[in-house]
Protein backbone atom coordinates (compact mmCIF):
# COMPACT_ATOMS: atom_id res chain seq x y z
CA MET A 1 -9.24 0.69 -16.07
CA ARG A 2 -11.79 -1.91 -17.08
CA PRO A 3 -12.57 -2.45 -20.78
CA HIS A 4 -16.11 -1.64 -21.87
CA GLY A 5 -17.93 -1.87 -25.17
CA PRO A 6 -15.93 -2.38 -28.39
CA ARG A 7 -12.57 -2.20 -26.64
CA GLY A 8 -13.56 -4.98 -24.25
CA ASP A 9 -14.87 -7.07 -27.16
CA ARG A 10 -11.60 -6.70 -29.04
CA LEU A 11 -9.61 -7.78 -26.00
CA ARG A 12 -11.81 -10.80 -25.45
CA ASP A 13 -11.44 -11.74 -29.12
CA ALA A 14 -7.68 -11.43 -28.78
CA LEU A 15 -7.76 -13.71 -25.81
CA THR A 16 -9.55 -16.37 -27.85
CA ALA A 17 -7.66 -15.97 -31.10
CA HIS A 18 -4.12 -15.26 -30.06
CA GLY A 19 -3.74 -16.50 -26.52
CA LEU A 20 -2.86 -15.01 -23.21
CA LEU A 21 0.63 -13.80 -24.14
CA LEU A 22 -0.63 -11.40 -26.80
CA VAL A 23 -3.19 -9.98 -24.40
CA VAL A 24 -0.51 -9.40 -21.79
CA LEU A 25 1.74 -7.55 -24.24
CA VAL A 26 -1.00 -5.42 -25.75
CA THR A 27 -2.82 -4.62 -22.55
CA ALA A 28 0.41 -3.68 -20.81
CA ILE A 29 0.76 -0.85 -23.30
CA VAL A 30 -2.91 0.10 -23.12
CA PHE A 31 -2.97 0.03 -19.32
CA THR A 32 0.06 2.32 -19.15
CA LEU A 33 -1.50 4.81 -21.55
CA VAL A 34 -4.98 4.89 -20.07
CA THR A 35 -4.30 4.56 -16.34
CA PRO A 36 -6.61 7.17 -14.79
CA ALA A 37 -5.00 10.48 -13.92
CA ALA A 38 -8.06 11.92 -12.20
CA ALA A 39 -6.48 11.68 -8.77
CA ARG A 40 -3.44 13.64 -9.90
CA THR A 41 -5.58 16.53 -11.10
CA ALA A 42 -8.01 16.60 -8.19
CA PRO A 43 -7.96 19.34 -5.56
CA ARG A 44 -5.76 18.72 -2.56
CA PRO A 45 -6.58 19.36 1.09
CA GLY A 46 -4.90 22.18 2.92
CA GLY A 47 -1.60 22.05 4.72
CA ALA A 48 -0.71 19.47 7.29
CA GLY A 49 0.33 21.91 9.97
CA PRO A 50 2.83 21.03 12.70
CA VAL A 51 2.88 17.46 14.01
CA GLU A 52 4.52 16.50 17.29
CA GLY A 53 7.75 14.73 16.45
CA PRO A 54 11.03 15.40 14.64
CA PRO A 55 11.13 18.34 12.20
CA LEU A 56 10.10 17.27 8.71
CA GLY A 57 12.89 17.67 6.18
CA THR A 58 10.60 17.33 3.15
CA PRO A 59 9.51 20.72 1.73
CA PRO A 60 5.80 21.20 2.54
CA ASP A 61 4.90 22.09 -1.05
CA ARG A 62 6.49 18.88 -2.33
CA ALA A 63 4.68 16.77 0.25
CA ALA A 64 1.40 18.52 -0.52
CA ALA A 65 1.82 17.93 -4.25
CA ALA A 66 2.18 14.18 -3.62
CA LEU A 67 -1.24 13.91 -1.94
CA ASP A 68 -4.25 13.31 -4.19
CA CYS A 69 -7.86 13.41 -3.03
CA PRO A 70 -11.21 13.31 -4.88
CA ALA A 71 -12.91 16.42 -6.18
CA GLY A 72 -15.04 18.04 -3.48
CA PHE A 73 -13.05 16.43 -0.68
CA PRO A 74 -14.23 16.00 2.02
CA ARG A 75 -17.74 14.93 1.18
CA SER A 76 -18.24 11.66 3.08
CA GLN A 77 -19.17 11.33 6.74
CA ARG A 78 -16.96 8.26 7.00
CA GLU A 79 -13.36 8.41 8.09
CA PRO A 80 -11.15 9.30 5.12
CA VAL A 81 -8.94 6.53 3.76
CA LEU A 82 -5.32 7.00 2.71
CA LEU A 83 -3.87 4.37 0.38
CA VAL A 84 -0.08 3.95 0.53
CA HIS A 85 1.61 2.12 -2.33
CA GLY A 86 4.48 -0.34 -2.35
CA THR A 87 7.96 -0.52 -3.84
CA GLY A 88 8.60 0.30 -7.48
CA VAL A 89 5.12 1.56 -8.38
CA ASP A 90 3.05 4.68 -7.94
CA ALA A 91 -0.42 5.17 -6.49
CA ASP A 92 -2.19 4.68 -9.82
CA LEU A 93 -0.52 1.36 -10.58
CA ASN A 94 -1.09 0.07 -7.06
CA TRP A 95 -4.62 1.32 -6.33
CA SER A 96 -6.52 2.91 -9.25
CA TRP A 97 -7.96 -0.37 -10.54
CA ASN A 98 -8.94 -2.00 -7.23
CA TYR A 99 -9.22 -0.42 -3.76
CA ALA A 100 -9.61 3.21 -4.81
CA PRO A 101 -12.80 2.77 -6.90
CA ALA A 102 -14.16 -0.05 -4.73
CA LEU A 103 -13.88 1.95 -1.50
CA ARG A 104 -15.32 5.06 -3.16
CA ASP A 105 -18.31 2.96 -4.28
CA GLN A 106 -18.83 2.11 -0.60
CA GLY A 107 -18.98 5.77 0.35
CA TYR A 108 -15.42 6.47 1.47
CA ASP A 109 -13.35 9.50 0.59
CA VAL A 110 -10.18 7.88 -0.74
CA CYS A 111 -6.88 9.72 -1.07
CA THR A 112 -3.53 8.44 -2.29
CA VAL A 113 0.05 9.58 -1.85
CA ASP A 114 2.77 9.27 -4.50
CA LEU A 115 6.07 8.60 -2.79
CA PRO A 116 9.39 9.84 -4.19
CA GLY A 117 11.32 7.56 -6.51
CA ARG A 118 8.43 5.10 -6.52
CA SER A 119 9.44 4.12 -2.97
CA THR A 120 12.89 2.89 -3.96
CA GLY A 121 14.79 5.48 -1.89
CA ASP A 122 15.31 5.98 1.83
CA ILE A 123 12.13 4.86 3.62
CA GLN A 124 12.81 7.44 6.31
CA GLU A 125 12.33 10.15 3.68
CA SER A 126 9.26 8.65 2.03
CA SER A 127 7.65 8.19 5.44
CA GLU A 128 7.60 11.98 5.83
CA TYR A 129 5.19 12.16 2.90
CA VAL A 130 2.90 9.80 4.79
CA VAL A 131 3.17 11.97 7.93
CA HIS A 132 2.10 14.99 5.90
CA ALA A 133 -0.71 13.10 4.15
CA VAL A 134 -2.28 11.77 7.35
CA ALA A 135 -2.10 15.17 9.05
CA ALA A 136 -3.59 16.89 6.00
CA LEU A 137 -6.53 14.46 5.89
CA HIS A 138 -7.15 14.92 9.61
CA ASN A 139 -7.00 18.71 9.36
CA ALA A 140 -9.32 18.76 6.35
CA THR A 141 -11.98 16.50 7.88
CA GLY A 142 -11.60 16.82 11.64
CA ARG A 143 -11.71 13.02 11.77
CA ARG A 144 -9.15 10.30 12.27
CA ALA A 145 -7.95 8.76 9.05
CA ASP A 146 -7.75 5.10 8.07
CA VAL A 147 -4.65 3.88 6.27
CA VAL A 148 -4.46 0.88 3.93
CA ALA A 149 -0.90 0.11 2.89
CA HIS A 150 0.55 -2.48 0.55
CA SER A 151 3.97 -4.03 1.02
CA GLN A 152 6.59 -1.36 1.89
CA GLY A 153 3.76 1.10 2.49
CA GLY A 154 3.06 -0.63 5.79
CA LEU A 155 6.59 0.15 6.96
CA GLN A 156 6.16 3.82 6.12
CA ILE A 157 2.99 4.30 8.15
CA ARG A 158 4.53 2.37 11.05
CA TRP A 159 7.67 4.51 10.91
CA ALA A 160 5.50 7.63 10.87
CA LEU A 161 3.45 6.53 13.88
CA THR A 162 6.53 5.36 15.78
CA TRP A 163 8.53 8.60 15.56
CA TRP A 164 5.76 11.23 15.22
CA PRO A 165 3.60 10.62 18.30
CA GLY A 166 1.37 13.54 17.40
CA LEU A 167 0.11 11.48 14.47
CA ARG A 168 -1.34 8.71 16.60
CA ASP A 169 -4.51 10.58 17.53
CA MET A 170 -5.06 11.28 13.82
CA VAL A 171 -5.26 7.60 12.77
CA ASP A 172 -7.98 5.09 13.59
CA ASP A 173 -7.04 1.98 11.58
CA VAL A 174 -3.91 0.75 9.84
CA VAL A 175 -4.45 -2.20 7.51
CA SER A 176 -1.23 -3.55 6.02
CA LEU A 177 -1.22 -6.02 3.14
CA GLY A 178 1.88 -8.16 2.76
CA THR A 179 4.26 -5.86 4.64
CA PRO A 180 7.75 -7.23 5.47
CA GLU A 181 7.58 -6.09 9.09
CA HIS A 182 10.79 -7.93 9.98
CA GLY A 183 12.45 -7.94 6.59
CA THR A 184 12.34 -10.28 3.61
CA ALA A 185 14.85 -12.73 2.23
CA ALA A 186 13.49 -12.40 -1.31
CA GLY A 187 15.49 -9.32 -2.29
CA GLU A 188 18.65 -10.02 -0.34
CA PRO A 189 20.60 -11.54 -3.27
CA LEU A 190 20.05 -8.28 -5.18
CA CYS A 191 21.93 -6.39 -2.49
CA ALA A 192 25.04 -8.54 -2.80
CA LEU A 193 25.84 -5.75 -5.27
CA PRO A 194 24.89 -2.08 -4.82
CA CYS A 195 21.10 -1.81 -4.73
CA ALA A 196 18.30 0.65 -4.00
CA ALA A 197 18.23 2.18 -0.52
CA ALA A 198 14.80 0.75 0.29
CA ALA A 199 15.97 -2.74 -0.67
CA HIS A 200 18.80 -2.46 1.85
CA GLN A 201 16.38 -1.29 4.54
CA MET A 202 13.98 -4.20 3.93
CA ARG A 203 16.70 -6.80 4.36
CA ARG A 204 16.47 -8.90 7.49
CA GLY A 205 18.66 -7.44 10.23
CA SER A 206 18.83 -3.94 8.75
CA ALA A 207 19.39 -1.00 11.08
CA PHE A 208 16.14 0.50 9.83
CA LEU A 209 14.08 -2.54 10.87
CA ALA A 210 15.98 -2.89 14.14
CA ALA A 211 15.02 0.68 15.02
CA LEU A 212 11.44 0.20 13.90
CA ASN A 213 11.00 -2.96 15.95
CA SER A 214 12.96 -1.89 19.02
CA GLY A 215 9.94 -0.63 20.94
CA ASP A 216 6.15 -0.79 20.73
CA ARG A 217 5.29 -2.37 17.38
CA THR A 218 1.76 -0.92 17.41
CA PRO A 219 1.97 2.50 19.07
CA GLY A 220 -1.02 4.60 20.04
CA ALA A 221 -4.75 3.93 20.25
CA VAL A 222 -4.70 2.69 16.65
CA SER A 223 -6.25 -0.58 15.46
CA TYR A 224 -3.64 -2.55 13.51
CA THR A 225 -4.54 -5.34 11.09
CA SER A 226 -1.87 -7.24 9.16
CA ILE A 227 -3.10 -9.42 6.31
CA TYR A 228 -0.69 -11.67 4.45
CA SER A 229 -0.49 -14.82 2.35
CA ARG A 230 1.45 -18.04 2.72
CA HIS A 231 1.92 -17.97 -1.07
CA ASP A 232 3.71 -14.62 -1.08
CA LEU A 233 7.06 -14.95 -2.86
CA VAL A 234 8.07 -11.33 -2.17
CA VAL A 235 7.64 -11.34 1.60
CA VAL A 236 9.74 -14.37 2.58
CA PRO A 237 9.16 -16.03 4.96
CA TYR A 238 5.52 -14.98 5.00
CA ARG A 239 5.47 -14.87 8.82
CA THR A 240 7.61 -11.73 8.68
CA ALA A 241 4.38 -9.89 7.88
CA ALA A 242 3.04 -10.54 11.41
CA LYS A 243 3.69 -8.03 14.16
CA ASP A 244 3.17 -8.06 17.90
CA GLY A 245 0.07 -6.18 19.02
CA ALA A 246 -1.74 -6.39 15.67
CA ARG A 247 -4.52 -8.67 14.45
CA ASN A 248 -2.48 -10.96 12.22
CA ILE A 249 -4.45 -12.80 9.53
CA ALA A 250 -3.07 -15.25 6.99
CA VAL A 251 -5.54 -15.51 4.12
CA GLN A 252 -5.19 -19.29 4.14
CA GLU A 253 -6.27 -19.42 7.79
CA VAL A 254 -9.58 -18.01 6.59
CA CYS A 255 -9.95 -19.74 3.23
CA GLY A 256 -7.83 -22.88 3.25
CA ALA A 257 -5.48 -23.13 0.28
CA ARG A 258 -6.66 -19.90 -1.38
CA PRO A 259 -3.91 -18.96 -3.91
CA VAL A 260 -3.09 -15.31 -3.17
CA THR A 261 0.20 -13.84 -4.38
CA HIS A 262 1.90 -10.61 -3.28
CA ILE A 263 0.09 -8.56 -5.90
CA GLY A 264 -2.99 -10.72 -5.33
CA LEU A 265 -3.38 -9.10 -1.92
CA VAL A 266 -4.63 -5.92 -3.64
CA HIS A 267 -7.26 -7.64 -5.78
CA ASP A 268 -8.45 -10.61 -3.71
CA SER A 269 -12.05 -10.32 -2.53
CA VAL A 270 -11.53 -11.95 0.88
CA VAL A 271 -8.61 -9.65 1.66
CA PHE A 272 -10.78 -6.69 0.63
CA ARG A 273 -13.64 -7.86 2.86
CA LEU A 274 -11.25 -8.13 5.80
CA ALA A 275 -9.90 -4.64 5.12
CA VAL A 276 -13.39 -3.16 4.93
CA ASP A 277 -14.34 -4.98 8.13
CA ALA A 278 -11.47 -3.20 9.87
CA LEU A 279 -12.37 0.19 8.41
CA SER A 280 -16.09 -0.02 9.11
CA ARG A 281 -16.09 -1.41 12.66
CA PRO A 282 -14.30 -0.61 15.91
CA GLY A 283 -11.04 -2.44 16.36
CA PRO A 284 -9.09 -4.55 13.86
CA ALA A 285 -10.55 -6.92 11.28
CA ASP A 286 -12.26 -10.06 12.57
CA PRO A 287 -12.54 -12.99 10.12
CA ARG A 288 -15.48 -14.34 12.12
CA ARG A 289 -17.58 -11.46 10.82
CA LEU A 290 -17.15 -12.42 7.17
CA PRO A 291 -20.40 -13.61 5.56
CA ALA A 292 -20.94 -17.29 4.92
CA GLY A 293 -19.60 -18.28 1.53
CA ALA A 294 -17.11 -15.40 1.36
CA CYS A 295 -14.39 -17.84 0.30
CA LEU A 296 -16.51 -19.19 -2.55
CA GLY A 297 -17.83 -15.96 -4.04
CA HIS A 298 -16.37 -13.65 -6.69
CA PRO A 299 -12.59 -13.96 -6.30
CA HIS A 300 -11.69 -10.32 -6.85
CA VAL A 301 -12.33 -6.88 -5.36
CA PRO A 302 -15.75 -5.56 -6.45
CA GLY A 303 -15.52 -4.17 -9.96
CA VAL A 304 -12.36 -6.12 -10.80
CA GLY A 305 -12.49 -8.92 -13.36
CA ALA A 306 -10.05 -11.57 -14.49
CA LEU A 307 -8.91 -9.46 -17.44
CA ASP A 308 -8.18 -6.53 -15.13
CA VAL A 309 -5.91 -8.80 -13.12
CA VAL A 310 -4.09 -9.95 -16.26
CA ARG A 311 -3.62 -6.40 -17.44
CA ALA A 312 -2.46 -5.09 -14.09
CA THR A 313 -0.05 -7.96 -13.51
CA ALA A 314 1.44 -7.38 -16.95
CA VAL A 315 2.28 -3.82 -15.94
CA VAL A 316 2.85 -3.76 -12.19
CA ILE A 317 5.50 -6.48 -11.92
CA PRO A 318 7.69 -5.23 -14.81
CA SER A 319 7.24 -1.64 -13.63
CA ALA A 320 8.40 -2.47 -10.11
CA ALA A 321 11.36 -4.45 -11.43
CA ALA A 322 12.37 -1.61 -13.77
CA ALA A 323 12.11 0.97 -10.98
CA LEU A 324 14.36 -1.06 -8.72
CA ALA A 325 16.83 -1.70 -11.54
CA THR A 326 17.13 1.98 -12.46
CA ALA A 327 16.95 3.50 -8.97
CA PRO A 328 20.06 5.14 -7.49
CA ARG A 329 22.15 2.41 -5.89
CA THR A 330 24.19 2.30 -2.75
CA VAL A 331 26.53 -0.23 -1.17
CA GLN A 332 24.84 0.07 2.23
CA GLU A 333 21.61 1.27 3.75
CA PRO A 334 21.16 4.96 4.56
CA PRO A 335 22.20 5.95 8.08
CA LEU A 336 19.47 6.20 10.66
CA ARG A 337 18.12 9.68 11.23
CA PRO A 338 19.28 11.13 14.58
CA TYR A 339 15.83 10.77 16.17
CA ALA A 340 15.89 7.01 15.50
CA ALA A 341 19.58 6.42 16.16
CA ARG A 342 19.54 7.92 19.65
CA ASN A 343 16.54 5.81 20.68
CA ARG A 344 18.04 2.45 19.77
């Protein structure tokens, strides 16, 4: 949510009078209280119907309840966009202040999916919610859907497309932002002790990632774009975000030393331009199509200001840390589902 009128004036005064720390503390509370809930109360598309692939273990009503679309959906002639959030947050925290309103302003129908346990549990389970969401969007519109996924969300859509082949004709573009395609070293010390299931699965060398990367990394006639940053301290090393068969784009290859963090990938203007380029044109994103001066313009997603970034950062990072700290813990990663285990 962006401050307007008297509320915005008070926050700007606080920034001047009391410094950044006070703003972070106050706005963290405000952001949590006023995060838009419109998506949660909006009508949902009809059922997903059967999808070629393993039987879904998630109850259909639960998967349907996790999918949120705008009122009157579908109303755009563009391909619908599904936003998939990352670890430790929900759809509102990840998307409501950046991509969701910005893409809607460009004429897209934008839907989100809230994954169980804020994506701290078994990724194989949360991926079933993505299977249902994509199929529901396709069935409601008759068009292929586009998927934009942040962090772990990119693993979920890849898992869905790998093991549910019937989904591949329902997806046009997958744009992943800072996804640890081959695991990350950043969270490995946490799993020296019991840790969340998803943290185990995102460790380098996990059985989950071995199964995911054992075959075609970009299955189907889907355009894959992977965007990542050399300054990402969550996806370590940053090259783990690249995958064979995709258009792999490091932000700094486009804009020199541009300082983009892991959370910065969802509010940086150049990343957003690349994502929209992929969604609006055939094939993956192409940095050569960016307008001249793109690296020097407004630094954030359209509609996002510096104070929005401060407010969001003050909430998203502690929220993700708290979710991981309080999630059910296990001493090892969940076993592979039979459909994945027998294909290794």
